[in-house]
Amino acid sequence: MPQSLSLVIIHIIFSTKDRSDVLDKDISRELYLYLATIARNNDCECYRAGGASNHVHLAIRLSRTITIAKLIEELKTSSTKWLKKHLPNFSWQRGYGAFSVGPSDLPALLAYIDTQEEHHRKHSFEDEFRALLKKYGVEHDERYIWD
């Protein structure tokens, strides 16, 4: 085959250090745009960026030329530098969640990201992340998912 083609959609989630509620609405709007730009600069398409005061969700089409780990490193490193201009002591948690999503599930994921504010009136980030690990069938040890 003379051409390499792919469609890999991933749901990426990472939180602020210690899940601190430091991302207010004004900074979040700018942050989501910035994260989408970082994705585009890495030849990925960011379908949606959203979240809550202590974490972000991204729906991204992964470029065939970058690994998930490298993309997330770029997202977190670049956004940390940007966020430190506004929040001098800012840092992200060390880890992340990255889950594959089929194209037919993309609309549901986008709606989920769009309703994060409402979702977190009832559910903590920790409960949400545990539910997502269960939904995506990811085995984990609770002792090592929080920092």
Protein backbone atom coordinates (compact mmCIF):
# COMPACT_ATOMS: atom_id res chain seq x y z
CA MET A 1 0.00 0.00 0.00
CA PRO A 2 1.63 3.31 -1.03
CA GLN A 3 -0.15 5.41 1.58
CA SER A 4 -0.34 5.14 5.39
CA LEU A 5 -3.79 5.90 6.79
CA SER A 6 -5.19 5.78 10.29
CA LEU A 7 -8.07 6.92 12.46
CA VAL A 8 -7.20 6.56 16.13
CA ILE A 9 -9.36 8.54 18.53
CA ILE A 10 -8.31 8.81 22.15
CA HIS A 11 -9.95 10.17 25.27
CA ILE A 12 -7.22 11.76 27.39
CA ILE A 13 -7.68 12.79 31.01
CA PHE A 14 -5.25 14.32 33.46
CA SER A 15 -5.67 16.35 36.62
CA THR A 16 -3.95 19.11 38.47
CA LYS A 17 -1.40 18.13 41.11
CA ASP A 18 -3.30 16.75 44.12
CA ARG A 19 -6.50 17.48 42.17
CA SER A 20 -6.35 21.12 43.35
CA ASP A 21 -9.26 23.29 42.17
CA VAL A 22 -7.15 25.97 40.46
CA LEU A 23 -8.62 26.12 36.95
CA ASP A 24 -11.29 28.82 37.05
CA LYS A 25 -13.63 29.44 34.11
CA ASP A 26 -11.56 32.24 32.57
CA ILE A 27 -8.26 30.35 32.61
CA SER A 28 -9.99 27.12 31.54
CA ARG A 29 -11.41 28.65 28.35
CA GLU A 30 -7.94 29.82 27.33
CA LEU A 31 -6.36 26.55 28.45
CA TYR A 32 -8.69 24.45 26.28
CA LEU A 33 -7.84 26.56 23.24
CA TYR A 34 -4.15 26.27 24.06
CA LEU A 35 -4.36 22.48 24.45
CA ALA A 36 -6.15 22.21 21.09
CA THR A 37 -3.37 24.27 19.50
CA ILE A 38 -0.70 21.99 20.98
CA ALA A 39 -2.53 18.99 19.53
CA ARG A 40 -2.74 20.66 16.10
CA ASN A 41 0.95 21.57 16.24
CA ASN A 42 1.61 17.84 16.66
CA ASP A 43 -0.51 16.98 13.58
CA CYS A 44 -3.40 15.75 15.73
CA GLU A 45 -6.98 16.95 15.63
CA CYS A 46 -8.54 18.03 18.89
CA TYR A 47 -12.27 17.41 18.56
CA ARG A 48 -12.95 18.76 22.04
CA ALA A 49 -11.19 20.03 25.16
CA GLY A 50 -13.03 20.56 28.41
CA GLY A 51 -13.07 19.63 32.03
CA ALA A 52 -13.53 21.03 35.49
CA SER A 53 -11.57 23.07 38.02
CA ASN A 54 -9.12 20.23 38.69
CA HIS A 55 -8.80 18.24 35.47
CA VAL A 56 -9.11 18.21 31.69
CA HIS A 57 -10.65 15.87 29.13
CA LEU A 58 -9.53 15.82 25.52
CA ALA A 59 -11.00 14.01 22.52
CA ILE A 60 -8.18 13.76 20.01
CA ARG A 61 -7.53 12.08 16.68
CA LEU A 62 -3.98 10.85 17.05
CA SER A 63 -1.59 11.53 14.21
CA ARG A 64 0.04 8.42 12.79
CA THR A 65 3.46 10.00 13.45
CA ILE A 66 3.30 10.49 17.24
CA THR A 67 2.82 8.19 20.21
CA ILE A 68 0.20 8.78 22.87
CA ALA A 69 2.92 9.21 25.50
CA LYS A 70 4.77 11.83 23.41
CA LEU A 71 1.58 13.77 22.68
CA ILE A 72 0.61 13.85 26.35
CA GLU A 73 4.14 14.91 27.30
CA GLU A 74 3.83 17.80 24.83
CA LEU A 75 0.34 18.72 26.10
CA LYS A 76 1.36 18.73 29.75
CA THR A 77 4.79 20.33 29.37
CA SER A 78 3.67 23.16 27.09
CA SER A 79 0.50 23.90 29.02
CA THR A 80 2.40 23.89 32.34
CA LYS A 81 4.75 26.57 31.02
CA TRP A 82 1.77 28.60 29.82
CA LEU A 83 -0.21 28.12 33.04
CA LYS A 84 2.74 29.16 35.23
CA LYS A 85 2.41 32.67 33.77
CA HIS A 86 -1.01 32.85 35.45
CA LEU A 87 -0.57 30.38 38.32
CA PRO A 88 3.12 30.43 39.39
CA ASN A 89 2.99 27.22 41.45
CA PHE A 90 0.97 25.21 38.93
CA SER A 91 1.68 21.60 38.02
CA TRP A 92 -0.22 18.65 36.56
CA GLN A 93 -0.39 15.23 38.19
CA ARG A 94 2.33 12.83 37.05
CA GLY A 95 0.06 10.33 35.32
CA TYR A 96 -2.86 10.36 32.90
CA GLY A 97 -5.61 8.25 31.43
CA ALA A 98 -5.75 7.56 27.70
CA PHE A 99 -8.52 5.41 26.27
CA SER A 100 -9.35 4.39 22.72
CA VAL A 101 -12.73 5.44 21.36
CA GLY A 102 -14.44 4.16 18.24
CA PRO A 103 -15.68 6.69 15.66
CA SER A 104 -19.30 5.78 16.38
CA ASP A 105 -18.73 6.65 20.08
CA LEU A 106 -17.23 10.07 19.36
CA PRO A 107 -20.53 12.03 19.61
CA ALA A 108 -21.17 10.57 23.07
CA LEU A 109 -17.65 11.47 24.18
CA LEU A 110 -18.04 15.04 22.92
CA ALA A 111 -21.33 15.38 24.80
CA TYR A 112 -19.69 13.96 27.92
CA ILE A 113 -16.88 16.52 27.73
CA ASP A 114 -19.37 19.33 27.05
CA THR A 115 -21.32 18.49 30.23
CA GLN A 116 -18.40 18.26 32.66
CA GLU A 117 -19.55 21.19 34.78
CA GLU A 118 -22.95 19.58 35.33
CA HIS A 119 -21.40 16.13 35.83
CA HIS A 120 -19.13 17.36 38.60
CA ARG A 121 -21.94 18.85 40.61
CA LYS A 122 -22.74 15.23 41.52
CA HIS A 123 -19.48 13.29 41.06
CA SER A 124 -15.91 13.89 42.21
CA PHE A 125 -13.00 13.53 39.82
CA GLU A 126 -11.84 10.45 41.72
CA ASP A 127 -15.23 8.75 41.31
CA GLU A 128 -15.39 9.77 37.66
CA PHE A 129 -11.92 8.39 36.94
CA ARG A 130 -12.67 5.10 38.71
CA ALA A 131 -15.87 4.77 36.64
CA LEU A 132 -13.96 5.45 33.42
CA LEU A 133 -11.33 2.84 34.30
CA LYS A 134 -14.14 0.35 34.85
CA LYS A 135 -15.95 1.38 31.64
CA TYR A 136 -12.82 0.99 29.54
CA GLY A 137 -11.83 -2.26 31.29
CA VAL A 138 -8.54 -0.98 32.69
CA GLU A 139 -7.19 -3.00 35.59
CA HIS A 140 -5.49 -0.82 38.18
CA ASP A 141 -4.22 -0.69 41.73
CA GLU A 142 -5.94 2.11 43.64
CA ARG A 143 -2.75 2.74 45.65
CA TYR A 144 -0.94 3.97 42.56
CA ILE A 145 -3.45 6.07 40.61
CA TRP A 146 -3.38 9.18 42.83
CA ASP A 147 -0.44 11.45 43.53
